[in-house]
Protein backbone atom coordinates (compact mmCIF):
# COMPACT_ATOMS: atom_id res chain seq x y z
CA MET A 1 183.00 53.25 -93.16
CA PRO A 2 185.62 52.49 -96.12
CA ASP A 3 187.10 49.04 -96.28
CA ARG A 4 190.06 47.98 -94.12
CA THR A 5 193.39 48.02 -95.83
CA PRO A 6 194.36 44.73 -97.35
CA ILE A 7 197.73 43.10 -96.25
CA VAL A 8 199.69 41.65 -99.16
CA LYS A 9 200.31 38.05 -98.53
CA THR A 10 203.60 36.23 -99.15
CA THR A 11 203.28 32.58 -100.23
CA LEU A 12 206.07 30.25 -98.93
CA LEU A 13 207.50 27.78 -101.25
CA GLY A 14 207.69 24.68 -99.19
CA ASP A 15 210.34 22.24 -98.78
CA ALA A 16 210.36 21.01 -102.56
CA VAL A 17 211.87 24.26 -103.93
CA ASN A 18 215.66 25.03 -103.15
CA ALA A 19 214.97 28.78 -102.68
CA GLY A 20 213.63 31.38 -100.40
CA VAL A 21 211.09 33.95 -100.91
CA ILE A 22 210.97 37.74 -100.35
CA GLY A 23 208.23 39.05 -98.01
CA GLN A 24 206.55 42.38 -98.26
CA LEU A 25 206.24 44.00 -94.76
CA GLN A 26 203.89 47.11 -94.87
CA GLY A 27 202.96 49.63 -92.22
CA ALA A 28 199.81 49.31 -90.27
CA ASP A 29 197.02 51.68 -91.51
CA ILE A 30 195.97 53.24 -88.17
CA ALA A 31 192.77 55.08 -89.63
CA LEU A 32 191.11 52.22 -91.67
CA LYS A 33 192.82 49.37 -89.97
CA ASN A 34 193.97 46.18 -91.83
CA ARG A 35 192.64 42.79 -93.10
CA PHE A 36 193.57 39.76 -95.29
CA VAL A 37 191.63 37.13 -97.05
CA ALA A 38 191.56 34.23 -94.94
CA THR A 39 192.12 30.54 -96.00
CA GLY A 40 193.08 29.13 -92.58
CA ARG A 41 196.80 28.74 -93.82
CA GLU A 42 198.08 32.23 -92.99
CA ILE A 43 200.48 33.26 -90.27
CA VAL A 44 200.66 37.00 -89.52
CA VAL A 45 204.01 38.59 -88.75
CA ALA A 46 204.11 41.91 -86.85
CA LEU A 47 207.32 43.77 -86.66
CA ASN A 48 207.51 46.77 -84.23
CA THR A 49 209.91 49.30 -85.76
CA ASP A 50 209.32 52.07 -83.25
CA ALA A 51 211.50 53.12 -80.37
CA GLY A 52 208.70 52.56 -78.00
CA ALA A 53 206.27 49.59 -77.42
CA GLN A 54 203.38 49.17 -79.57
CA THR A 55 200.23 46.90 -79.76
CA VAL A 56 198.69 44.54 -82.20
CA THR A 57 194.96 43.32 -82.02
CA VAL A 58 193.52 40.43 -83.95
CA THR A 59 189.64 40.52 -83.89
CA SER A 60 187.80 37.17 -83.44
CA ILE A 61 184.07 36.37 -83.95
CA ALA A 62 181.88 33.94 -81.82
CA ASP A 63 182.54 30.38 -82.79
CA SER A 64 179.95 27.58 -82.67
CA MET A 65 179.88 27.69 -78.90
CA GLY A 66 179.60 31.34 -78.68
CA ARG A 67 183.18 31.84 -77.55
CA VAL A 68 185.18 35.02 -78.50
CA GLN A 69 188.86 35.20 -78.16
CA ASP A 70 190.25 38.37 -79.64
CA ILE A 71 194.13 38.69 -79.37
CA ALA A 72 193.80 42.07 -77.87
CA ALA A 73 196.55 44.84 -77.42
CA PHE A 74 199.44 42.13 -77.75
CA SER A 75 202.48 44.33 -76.73
CA LEU A 76 205.57 44.37 -78.92
CA ASP A 77 208.60 45.97 -77.58
CA PRO A 78 210.97 47.91 -79.81
CA ASP A 79 212.44 45.72 -82.79
CA GLU A 80 210.37 42.72 -81.59
CA ILE A 81 208.72 40.41 -84.02
CA ALA A 82 205.38 38.57 -83.11
CA TYR A 83 203.72 35.70 -85.21
CA PHE A 84 200.02 35.02 -84.98
CA GLY A 85 198.14 31.97 -86.36
CA PRO A 86 197.51 30.03 -88.40
CA PHE A 87 193.93 30.97 -87.81
CA HIS A 88 191.04 28.40 -87.97
CA LEU A 89 188.30 29.94 -90.15
CA GLU A 90 185.44 29.39 -87.41
CA GLY A 91 186.01 32.05 -84.83
CA TRP A 92 188.21 34.27 -86.97
CA ILE A 93 186.84 34.97 -90.37
CA GLN A 94 184.69 38.02 -90.40
CA SER A 95 181.39 38.13 -92.46
CA ASP A 96 183.39 39.94 -95.16
CA GLY A 97 185.68 36.91 -95.65
CA TYR A 98 188.68 38.61 -94.07
CA VAL A 99 190.74 38.27 -90.86
CA HIS A 100 190.67 41.92 -89.13
CA LEU A 101 193.70 43.15 -87.34
CA GLU A 102 195.01 46.46 -86.24
CA ALA A 103 198.09 48.13 -84.59
CA SER A 104 198.58 51.03 -82.31
CA ALA A 105 201.15 52.79 -84.86
CA VAL A 106 202.13 52.82 -88.56
CA THR A 107 205.61 51.70 -87.26
CA VAL A 108 204.27 48.19 -86.77
CA LEU A 109 204.77 46.37 -89.90
CA PHE A 110 202.55 43.34 -91.13
CA ASP A 111 202.90 40.45 -93.50
CA ALA A 112 200.79 37.45 -93.88
CA LEU A 113 202.70 34.23 -94.55
CA VAL A 114 200.77 31.46 -96.57
CA ILE A 115 201.61 27.89 -95.89
CA PRO A 116 201.52 26.19 -99.24
CA ASP A 117 198.61 23.65 -99.66
CA ASP A 118 200.97 20.72 -100.55
CA PHE A 119 203.03 21.25 -97.13
C-alpha cells in the first residue's frame, strides 16, 4: 500500500517574535489517509468546510501498559474547528515515525502546528 499523504507542518514563532505565521490547511486524503512526522510538539488543526458533519480519526498504538486510545470518528459540524494534541510519542507514534490520521471527506482541512522548542 502506498504511503499516507504527509501534512505540511506550520512552525509557530513563539512569543519572542513580533509577528504571526501563515498556516497551510490542506484537504484530507481519503484514499491514502494522512500522516505527519511526530516530535511530540504538534497540535493538529482540523476544519470542516463541508455543509454536513464530518469525522476525524487519529490512530494510536499500544503504550507501555498495552493501552490503545484512538480518537475515533470525532465529529465536526459544518465550519467547526477541532484541535488535537500535542501527542506524546509513546502511544501515538507509529512504527514509521509518524502520527496517522484520517477524515471522512476531503472537505476536512488539516494543519499540524509545531510548538517551538524554546517555548
